[in-house]
């Protein structure tokens, strides 16, 4: 059975390919990042995630490092969501 080579010829560990940096998207409409923790009480980028339904953080509230930390964290499930427009009227009963 063949195995993958993990060292170079001088015994140094082979470098893993570097991934492109994750950057926060820019959009004309207001967007947020919905963050769902895989386990309650998880903390990352200055936020605590206890809600099993997820929390929405406006993209405007995150800097690039926070966005990257949240979206690349394996213990979190993240996706972009559109935020309601400011001043949008709510449906009446």
PDB file of N, CA and C in Angstrom:
ATOM      1  N   UNK A   1       0.843  -1.162   0.000  1.00  0.00           N
ATOM      2  CA  UNK A   1       0.000   0.000   0.000  1.00  0.00           C
ATOM      3  C   UNK A   1       0.897   1.236   0.000  1.00  0.00           C
ATOM      4  N   UNK A   2       0.600   2.182  -0.877  1.00  0.00           N
ATOM      5  CA  UNK A   2       1.400   3.396  -0.994  1.00  0.00           C
ATOM      6  C   UNK A   2       0.984   4.403   0.068  1.00  0.00           C
ATOM      7  N   UNK A   3       1.967   5.142   0.566  1.00  0.00           N
ATOM      8  CA  UNK A   3       1.684   6.208   1.525  1.00  0.00           C
ATOM      9  C   UNK A   3       2.160   7.525   0.963  1.00  0.00           C
ATOM     10  N   UNK A   4       1.609   8.588   1.476  1.00  0.00           N
ATOM     11  CA  UNK A   4       1.978   9.921   1.031  1.00  0.00           C
ATOM     12  C   UNK A   4       3.289  10.344   1.687  1.00  0.00           C
ATOM     13  N   UNK A   5       4.180  10.925   0.921  1.00  0.00           N
ATOM     14  CA  UNK A   5       5.452  11.402   1.442  1.00  0.00           C
ATOM     15  C   UNK A   5       5.205  12.650   2.290  1.00  0.00           C
ATOM     16  N   UNK A   6       5.714  12.644   3.516  1.00  0.00           N
ATOM     17  CA  UNK A   6       5.485  13.760   4.422  1.00  0.00           C
ATOM     18  C   UNK A   6       6.745  14.530   4.764  1.00  0.00           C
ATOM     19  N   UNK A   7       7.896  14.084   4.288  1.00  0.00           N
ATOM     20  CA  UNK A   7       9.125  14.817   4.569  1.00  0.00           C
ATOM     21  C   UNK A   7       9.877  15.086   3.269  1.00  0.00           C
ATOM     22  N   UNK A   8      10.717  16.086   3.303  1.00  0.00           N
ATOM     23  CA  UNK A   8      11.565  16.397   2.156  1.00  0.00           C
ATOM     24  C   UNK A   8      12.813  15.547   2.251  1.00  0.00           C
ATOM     25  N   UNK A   9      13.702  15.630   1.256  1.00  0.00           N
ATOM     26  CA  UNK A   9      14.872  14.767   1.262  1.00  0.00           C
ATOM     27  C   UNK A   9      15.867  15.086   2.366  1.00  0.00           C
ATOM     28  N   UNK A  10      15.790  16.248   2.992  1.00  0.00           N
ATOM     29  CA  UNK A  10      16.694  16.577   4.095  1.00  0.00           C
ATOM     30  C   UNK A  10      16.041  16.327   5.458  1.00  0.00           C
ATOM     31  N   UNK A  11      14.894  15.644   5.465  1.00  0.00           N
ATOM     32  CA  UNK A  11      14.260  15.312   6.727  1.00  0.00           C
ATOM     33  C   UNK A  11      13.383  16.405   7.300  1.00  0.00           C
ATOM     34  N   UNK A  12      13.229  17.502   6.574  1.00  0.00           N
ATOM     35  CA  UNK A  12      12.373  18.579   7.048  1.00  0.00           C
ATOM     36  C   UNK A  12      10.929  18.240   6.709  1.00  0.00           C
ATOM     37  N   UNK A  13      10.035  18.649   7.570  1.00  0.00           N
ATOM     38  CA  UNK A  13       8.620  18.401   7.319  1.00  0.00           C
ATOM     39  C   UNK A  13       8.197  19.162   6.068  1.00  0.00           C
ATOM     40  N   UNK A  14       7.408  18.509   5.238  1.00  0.00           N
ATOM     41  CA  UNK A  14       6.906  19.162   4.031  1.00  0.00           C
ATOM     42  C   UNK A  14       5.904  20.229   4.433  1.00  0.00           C
ATOM     43  N   UNK A  15       5.948  21.360   3.763  1.00  0.00           N
ATOM     44  CA  UNK A  15       5.027  22.444   4.069  1.00  0.00           C
ATOM     45  C   UNK A  15       3.674  22.151   3.452  1.00  0.00           C
ATOM     46  N   UNK A  16       2.645  22.363   4.239  1.00  0.00           N
ATOM     47  CA  UNK A  16       1.285  22.199   3.725  1.00  0.00           C
ATOM     48  C   UNK A  16       0.988  23.364   2.791  1.00  0.00           C
ATOM     49  N   UNK A  17       0.215  23.116   1.744  1.00  0.00           N
ATOM     50  CA  UNK A  17      -0.120  24.230   0.858  1.00  0.00           C
ATOM     51  C   UNK A  17      -0.889  25.292   1.644  1.00  0.00           C
ATOM     52  N   UNK A  18      -0.542  26.537   1.413  1.00  0.00           N
ATOM     53  CA  UNK A  18      -1.209  27.615   2.127  1.00  0.00           C
ATOM     54  C   UNK A  18      -2.487  27.992   1.402  1.00  0.00           C
ATOM     55  N   UNK A  19      -3.542  28.143   2.170  1.00  0.00           N
ATOM     56  CA  UNK A  19      -4.839  28.525   1.609  1.00  0.00           C
ATOM     57  C   UNK A  19      -4.875  30.034   1.430  1.00  0.00           C
ATOM     58  N   UNK A  20      -5.654  30.457   0.472  1.00  0.00           N
ATOM     59  CA  UNK A  20      -5.827  31.891   0.257  1.00  0.00           C
ATOM     60  C   UNK A  20      -6.508  32.487   1.488  1.00  0.00           C
ATOM     61  N   UNK A  21      -6.134  33.691   1.893  1.00  0.00           N
ATOM     62  CA  UNK A  21      -6.766  34.294   3.068  1.00  0.00           C
ATOM     63  C   UNK A  21      -8.259  34.528   2.811  1.00  0.00           C
ATOM     64  N   UNK A  22      -9.032  34.350   3.864  1.00  0.00           N
ATOM     65  CA  UNK A  22     -10.469  34.571   3.781  1.00  0.00           C
ATOM     66  C   UNK A  22     -10.724  36.053   3.988  1.00  0.00           C
ATOM     67  N   UNK A  23     -11.444  36.674   3.070  1.00  0.00           N
ATOM     68  CA  UNK A  23     -11.748  38.095   3.211  1.00  0.00           C
ATOM     69  C   UNK A  23     -13.245  38.301   3.311  1.00  0.00           C
ATOM     70  N   UNK A  24     -13.605  39.304   4.047  1.00  0.00           N
ATOM     71  CA  UNK A  24     -15.003  39.639   4.265  1.00  0.00           C
ATOM     72  C   UNK A  24     -15.600  40.167   2.965  1.00  0.00           C
ATOM     73  N   UNK A  25     -16.772  39.659   2.559  1.00  0.00           N
ATOM     74  CA  UNK A  25     -17.376  40.148   1.315  1.00  0.00           C
ATOM     75  C   UNK A  25     -17.883  41.572   1.460  1.00  0.00           C
ATOM     76  N   UNK A  26     -17.920  42.271   0.364  1.00  0.00           N
ATOM     77  CA  UNK A  26     -18.503  43.607   0.345  1.00  0.00           C
ATOM     78  C   UNK A  26     -19.746  43.543  -0.526  1.00  0.00           C
ATOM     79  N   UNK A  27     -20.794  44.205  -0.090  1.00  0.00           N
ATOM     80  CA  UNK A  27     -22.056  44.167  -0.833  1.00  0.00           C
ATOM     81  C   UNK A  27     -22.778  45.492  -0.658  1.00  0.00           C
ATOM     82  N   UNK A  28     -23.688  45.771  -1.604  1.00  0.00           N
ATOM     83  CA  UNK A  28     -24.480  46.988  -1.523  1.00  0.00           C
ATOM     84  C   UNK A  28     -25.571  46.865  -0.463  1.00  0.00           C
ATOM     85  N   UNK A  29     -26.037  45.648  -0.212  1.00  0.00           N
ATOM     86  CA  UNK A  29     -27.089  45.452   0.780  1.00  0.00           C
ATOM     87  C   UNK A  29     -26.489  45.004   2.099  1.00  0.00           C
ATOM     88  N   UNK A  30     -27.239  45.203   3.163  1.00  0.00           N
ATOM     89  CA  UNK A  30     -26.768  44.828   4.489  1.00  0.00           C
ATOM     90  C   UNK A  30     -26.779  43.311   4.630  1.00  0.00           C
ATOM     91  N   UNK A  31     -25.642  42.763   5.041  1.00  0.00           N
ATOM     92  CA  UNK A  31     -25.536  41.332   5.247  1.00  0.00           C
ATOM     93  C   UNK A  31     -24.994  41.050   6.634  1.00  0.00           C
ATOM     94  N   UNK A  32     -25.270  39.853   7.097  1.00  0.00           N
ATOM     95  CA  UNK A  32     -24.762  39.414   8.378  1.00  0.00           C
ATOM     96  C   UNK A  32     -24.208  38.014   8.257  1.00  0.00           C
ATOM     97  N   UNK A  33     -23.467  37.607   9.258  1.00  0.00           N
ATOM     98  CA  UNK A  33     -22.904  36.268   9.311  1.00  0.00           C
ATOM     99  C   UNK A  33     -23.670  35.499  10.374  1.00  0.00           C
ATOM    100  N   UNK A  34     -24.397  34.445   9.957  1.00  0.00           N
ATOM    101  CA  UNK A  34     -25.097  33.603  10.921  1.00  0.00           C
ATOM    102  C   UNK A  34     -24.104  32.566  11.411  1.00  0.00           C
ATOM    103  N   UNK A  35     -23.975  32.485  12.729  1.00  0.00           N
ATOM    104  CA  UNK A  35     -22.995  31.604  13.348  1.00  0.00           C
ATOM    105  C   UNK A  35     -23.726  30.629  14.272  1.00  0.00           C
ATOM    106  N   UNK A  36     -23.583  29.337  13.983  1.00  0.00           N
ATOM    107  CA  UNK A  36     -24.204  28.286  14.794  1.00  0.00           C
ATOM    108  C   UNK A  36     -23.085  27.449  15.402  1.00  0.00           C
ATOM    109  N   UNK A  37     -23.031  27.370  16.743  1.00  0.00           N
ATOM    110  CA  UNK A  37     -21.983  26.572  17.368  1.00  0.00           C
ATOM    111  C   UNK A  37     -22.318  25.085  17.316  1.00  0.00           C
ATOM    112  N   UNK A  38     -21.304  24.259  17.182  1.00  0.00           N
ATOM    113  CA  UNK A  38     -21.515  22.814  17.238  1.00  0.00           C
ATOM    114  C   UNK A  38     -21.667  22.342  18.679  1.00  0.00           C
ATOM    115  N   UNK A  39     -21.171  23.162  19.618  1.00  0.00           N
ATOM    116  CA  UNK A  39     -21.385  22.895  21.040  1.00  0.00           C
ATOM    117  C   UNK A  39     -21.632  24.234  21.730  1.00  0.00           C
ATOM    118  N   UNK A  40     -22.604  24.282  22.651  1.00  0.00           N
ATOM    119  CA  UNK A  40     -22.932  25.545  23.311  1.00  0.00           C
ATOM    120  C   UNK A  40     -21.766  26.091  24.135  1.00  0.00           C
ATOM    121  N   UNK A  41     -21.703  27.399  24.215  1.00  0.00           N
ATOM    122  CA  UNK A  41     -20.676  28.048  25.019  1.00  0.00           C
ATOM    123  C   UNK A  41     -19.357  28.262  24.309  1.00  0.00           C
ATOM    124  N   UNK A  42     -19.321  27.990  23.014  1.00  0.00           N
ATOM    125  CA  UNK A  42     -18.069  28.158  22.269  1.00  0.00           C
ATOM    126  C   UNK A  42     -17.787  29.640  22.081  1.00  0.00           C
ATOM    127  N   UNK A  43     -16.515  30.027  22.222  1.00  0.00           N
ATOM    128  CA  UNK A  43     -16.110  31.431  22.090  1.00  0.00           C
ATOM    129  C   UNK A  43     -15.056  31.551  20.993  1.00  0.00           C
ATOM    130  N   UNK A  44     -15.209  32.604  20.179  1.00  0.00           N
ATOM    131  CA  UNK A  44     -14.209  32.878  19.148  1.00  0.00           C
ATOM    132  C   UNK A  44     -14.364  34.328  18.716  1.00  0.00           C
ATOM    133  N   UNK A  45     -13.272  34.986  18.446  1.00  0.00           N
ATOM    134  CA  UNK A  45     -13.214  36.364  17.911  1.00  0.00           C
ATOM    135  C   UNK A  45     -13.959  37.364  18.786  1.00  0.00           C
ATOM    136  N   UNK A  46     -13.939  37.150  20.091  1.00  0.00           N
ATOM    137  CA  UNK A  46     -14.572  38.094  21.005  1.00  0.00           C
ATOM    138  C   UNK A  46     -16.075  37.888  21.177  1.00  0.00           C
ATOM    139  N   UNK A  47     -16.610  36.800  20.667  1.00  0.00           N
ATOM    140  CA  UNK A  47     -18.040  36.503  20.776  1.00  0.00           C
ATOM    141  C   UNK A  47     -18.224  35.150  21.453  1.00  0.00           C
ATOM    142  N   UNK A  48     -19.327  35.021  22.225  1.00  0.00           N
ATOM    143  CA  UNK A  48     -19.714  33.747  22.820  1.00  0.00           C
ATOM    144  C   UNK A  48     -20.957  33.257  22.091  1.00  0.00           C
ATOM    145  N   UNK A  49     -20.973  31.983  21.732  1.00  0.00           N
ATOM    146  CA  UNK A  49     -22.082  31.419  20.973  1.00  0.00           C
ATOM    147  C   UNK A  49     -22.765  30.333  21.800  1.00  0.00           C
ATOM    148  N   UNK A  50     -23.930  30.684  22.379  1.00  0.00           N
ATOM    149  CA  UNK A  50     -24.696  29.773  23.215  1.00  0.00           C
ATOM    150  C   UNK A  50     -25.995  29.327  22.549  1.00  0.00           C
ATOM    151  N   UNK A  51     -26.481  30.077  21.580  1.00  0.00           N
ATOM    152  CA  UNK A  51     -27.770  29.812  20.952  1.00  0.00           C
ATOM    153  C   UNK A  51     -27.652  28.672  19.937  1.00  0.00           C
ATOM    154  N   UNK A  52     -28.331  27.534  20.175  1.00  0.00           N
ATOM    155  CA  UNK A  52     -28.247  26.425  19.214  1.00  0.00           C
ATOM    156  C   UNK A  52     -28.888  26.760  17.863  1.00  0.00           C
ATOM    157  N   UNK A  53     -29.730  27.793  17.837  1.00  0.00           N
ATOM    158  CA  UNK A  53     -30.336  28.250  16.579  1.00  0.00           C
ATOM    159  C   UNK A  53     -29.388  29.155  15.798  1.00  0.00           C
ATOM    160  N   UNK A  54     -28.371  29.669  16.473  1.00  0.00           N
ATOM    161  CA  UNK A  54     -27.394  30.544  15.834  1.00  0.00           C
ATOM    162  C   UNK A  54     -27.625  32.004  16.146  1.00  0.00           C
ATOM    163  N   UNK A  55     -26.595  32.774  15.989  1.00  0.00           N
ATOM    164  CA  UNK A  55     -26.629  34.222  16.173  1.00  0.00           C
ATOM    165  C   UNK A  55     -26.217  34.876  14.864  1.00  0.00           C
ATOM    166  N   UNK A  56     -26.800  36.042  14.578  1.00  0.00           N
ATOM    167  CA  UNK A  56     -26.443  36.784  13.369  1.00  0.00           C
ATOM    168  C   UNK A  56     -25.658  38.022  13.784  1.00  0.00           C
ATOM    169  N   UNK A  57     -24.474  38.161  13.205  1.00  0.00           N
ATOM    170  CA  UNK A  57     -23.623  39.318  13.480  1.00  0.00           C
ATOM    171  C   UNK A  57     -23.541  40.125  12.185  1.00  0.00           C
ATOM    172  N   UNK A  58     -23.922  41.408  12.222  1.00  0.00           N
ATOM    173  CA  UNK A  58     -23.781  42.230  11.009  1.00  0.00           C
ATOM    174  C   UNK A  58     -22.321  42.266  10.554  1.00  0.00           C
ATOM    175  N   UNK A  59     -22.098  42.154   9.258  1.00  0.00           N
ATOM    176  CA  UNK A  59     -20.727  42.188   8.738  1.00  0.00           C
ATOM    177  C   UNK A  59     -20.022  43.487   9.099  1.00  0.00           C
ATOM    178  N   UNK A  60     -20.784  44.563   9.218  1.00  0.00           N
ATOM    179  CA  UNK A  60     -20.188  45.852   9.564  1.00  0.00           C
ATOM    180  C   UNK A  60     -19.553  45.824  10.956  1.00  0.00           C
ATOM    181  N   UNK A  61     -19.994  44.900  11.809  1.00  0.00           N
ATOM    182  CA  UNK A  61     -19.455  44.800  13.167  1.00  0.00           C
ATOM    183  C   UNK A  61     -18.198  43.942  13.252  1.00  0.00           C
ATOM    184  N   UNK A  62     -17.822  43.284  12.152  1.00  0.00           N
ATOM    185  CA  UNK A  62     -16.655  42.400  12.155  1.00  0.00           C
ATOM    186  C   UNK A  62     -15.514  42.995  11.350  1.00  0.00           C
ATOM    187  N   UNK A  63     -14.297  42.883  11.879  1.00  0.00           N
ATOM    188  CA  UNK A  63     -13.148  43.253  11.052  1.00  0.00           C
ATOM    189  C   UNK A  63     -12.708  42.000  10.282  1.00  0.00           C
ATOM    190  N   UNK A  64     -11.736  42.139   9.407  1.00  0.00           N
ATOM    191  CA  UNK A  64     -11.312  41.024   8.554  1.00  0.00           C
ATOM    192  C   UNK A  64     -10.784  39.835   9.362  1.00  0.00           C
ATOM    193  N   UNK A  65     -10.043  40.094  10.446  1.00  0.00           N
ATOM    194  CA  UNK A  65      -9.504  39.007  11.254  1.00  0.00           C
ATOM    195  C   UNK A  65     -10.618  38.247  11.973  1.00  0.00           C
ATOM    196  N   UNK A  66     -11.607  38.955  12.496  1.00  0.00           N
ATOM    197  CA  UNK A  66     -12.729  38.291  13.155  1.00  0.00           C
ATOM    198  C   UNK A  66     -13.516  37.450  12.156  1.00  0.00           C
ATOM    199  N   UNK A  67     -13.774  37.999  10.963  1.00  0.00           N
ATOM    200  CA  UNK A  67     -14.510  37.265   9.931  1.00  0.00           C
ATOM    201  C   UNK A  67     -13.767  35.971   9.573  1.00  0.00           C
ATOM    202  N   UNK A  68     -12.463  36.083   9.370  1.00  0.00           N
ATOM    203  CA  UNK A  68     -11.677  34.896   9.026  1.00  0.00           C
ATOM    204  C   UNK A  68     -11.684  33.874  10.156  1.00  0.00           C
ATOM    205  N   UNK A  69     -11.538  34.335  11.398  1.00  0.00           N
ATOM    206  CA  UNK A  69     -11.525  33.418  12.541  1.00  0.00           C
ATOM    207  C   UNK A  69     -12.849  32.668  12.666  1.00  0.00           C
ATOM    208  N   UNK A  70     -13.955  33.357  12.434  1.00  0.00           N
ATOM    209  CA  UNK A  70     -15.261  32.716  12.562  1.00  0.00           C
ATOM    210  C   UNK A  70     -15.539  31.749  11.414  1.00  0.00           C
ATOM    211  N   UNK A  71     -15.217  32.144  10.199  1.00  0.00           N
ATOM    212  CA  UNK A  71     -15.561  31.319   9.038  1.00  0.00           C
ATOM    213  C   UNK A  71     -14.624  30.128   8.842  1.00  0.00           C
ATOM    214  N   UNK A  72     -13.448  30.154   9.434  1.00  0.00           N
ATOM    215  CA  UNK A  72     -12.524  29.033   9.290  1.00  0.00           C
ATOM    216  C   UNK A  72     -12.498  28.123  10.516  1.00  0.00           C
ATOM    217  N   UNK A  73     -13.270  28.440  11.529  1.00  0.00           N
ATOM    218  CA  UNK A  73     -13.306  27.642  12.758  1.00  0.00           C
ATOM    219  C   UNK A  73     -14.152  26.384  12.546  1.00  0.00           C
ATOM    220  N   UNK A  74     -13.562  25.195  12.699  1.00  0.00           N
ATOM    221  CA  UNK A  74     -14.317  23.957  12.482  1.00  0.00           C
ATOM    222  C   UNK A  74     -15.447  23.724  13.483  1.00  0.00           C
ATOM    223  N   UNK A  75     -15.392  24.349  14.656  1.00  0.00           N
ATOM    224  CA  UNK A  75     -16.429  24.149  15.671  1.00  0.00           C
ATOM    225  C   UNK A  75     -17.649  25.043  15.444  1.00  0.00           C
ATOM    226  N   UNK A  76     -17.625  25.842  14.363  1.00  0.00           N
ATOM    227  CA  UNK A  76     -18.746  26.729  14.046  1.00  0.00           C
ATOM    228  C   UNK A  76     -19.239  26.466  12.629  1.00  0.00           C
ATOM    229  N   UNK A  77     -20.544  26.607  12.441  1.00  0.00           N
ATOM    230  CA  UNK A  77     -21.137  26.553  11.109  1.00  0.00           C
ATOM    231  C   UNK A  77     -21.557  27.980  10.791  1.00  0.00           C
ATOM    232  N   UNK A  78     -21.074  28.522   9.668  1.00  0.00           N
ATOM    233  CA  UNK A  78     -21.378  29.912   9.321  1.00  0.00           C
ATOM    234  C   UNK A  78     -21.925  30.008   7.909  1.00  0.00           C
ATOM    235  N   UNK A  79     -22.793  31.012   7.703  1.00  0.00           N
ATOM    236  CA  UNK A  79     -23.224  31.357   6.350  1.00  0.00           C
ATOM    237  C   UNK A  79     -23.738  32.790   6.340  1.00  0.00           C
ATOM    238  N   UNK A  80     -23.665  33.399   5.163  1.00  0.00           N
ATOM    239  CA  UNK A  80     -24.102  34.785   5.013  1.00  0.00           C
ATOM    240  C   UNK A  80     -25.614  34.848   4.901  1.00  0.00           C
ATOM    241  N   UNK A  81     -26.200  35.863   5.514  1.00  0.00           N
ATOM    242  CA  UNK A  81     -27.633  36.097   5.428  1.00  0.00           C
ATOM    243  C   UNK A  81     -27.861  37.569   5.116  1.00  0.00           C
ATOM    244  N   UNK A  82     -28.973  37.860   4.433  1.00  0.00           N
ATOM    245  CA  UNK A  82     -29.360  39.247   4.189  1.00  0.00           C
ATOM    246  C   UNK A  82     -30.063  39.777   5.423  1.00  0.00           C
ATOM    247  N   UNK A  83     -29.709  40.975   5.828  1.00  0.00           N
ATOM    248  CA  UNK A  83     -30.358  41.611   6.965  1.00  0.00           C
ATOM    249  C   UNK A  83     -31.540  42.429   6.467  1.00  0.00           C
ATOM    250  N   UNK A  84     -32.591  42.540   7.275  1.00  0.00           N
ATOM    251  CA  UNK A  84     -33.716  43.366   6.861  1.00  0.00           C
ATOM    252  C   UNK A  84     -33.270  44.825   6.700  1.00  0.00           C
ATOM    253  N   UNK A  85     -33.844  45.493   5.712  1.00  0.00           N
ATOM    254  CA  UNK A  85     -33.503  46.898   5.482  1.00  0.00           C
ATOM    255  C   UNK A  85     -33.960  47.729   6.671  1.00  0.00           C
ATOM    256  N   UNK A  86     -33.157  48.726   7.022  1.00  0.00           N
ATOM    257  CA  UNK A  86     -33.540  49.602   8.128  1.00  0.00           C
ATOM    258  C   UNK A  86     -34.801  50.357   7.768  1.00  0.00           C
ATOM    259  N   UNK A  87     -35.706  50.443   8.716  1.00  0.00           N
ATOM    260  CA  UNK A  87     -36.946  51.168   8.472  1.00  0.00           C
ATOM    261  C   UNK A  87     -37.979  50.351   7.729  1.00  0.00           C
ATOM    262  N   UNK A  88     -37.677  49.073   7.440  1.00  0.00           N
ATOM    263  CA  UNK A  88     -38.657  48.235   6.741  1.00  0.00           C
ATOM    264  C   UNK A  88     -39.822  47.995   7.670  1.00  0.00           C
ATOM    265  N   UNK A  89     -41.015  48.088   7.150  1.00  0.00           N
ATOM    266  CA  UNK A  89     -42.195  47.917   7.994  1.00  0.00           C
ATOM    267  C   UNK A  89     -42.426  46.438   8.249  1.00  0.00           C
ATOM    268  N   UNK A  90     -42.876  46.138   9.447  1.00  0.00           N
ATOM    269  CA  UNK A  90     -43.167  44.769   9.833  1.00  0.00           C
ATOM    270  C   UNK A  90     -44.614  44.456   9.474  1.00  0.00           C
ATOM    271  N   UNK A  91     -44.891  43.203   9.196  1.00  0.00           N
ATOM    272  CA  UNK A  91     -46.250  42.801   8.842  1.00  0.00           C
ATOM    273  C   UNK A  91     -47.173  43.018  10.038  1.00  0.00           C
ATOM    274  N   UNK A  92     -48.350  43.555   9.768  1.00  0.00           N
ATOM    275  CA  UNK A  92     -49.338  43.809  10.801  1.00  0.00           C
ATOM    276  C   UNK A  92     -50.209  42.575  10.992  1.00  0.00           C
ATOM    277  N   UNK A  93     -50.663  42.327  12.234  1.00  0.00           N
ATOM    278  CA  UNK A  93     -51.545  41.179  12.502  1.00  0.00           C
ATOM    279  C   UNK A  93     -52.941  41.462  12.021  1.00  0.00           C
TER     280      UNK A  93
END
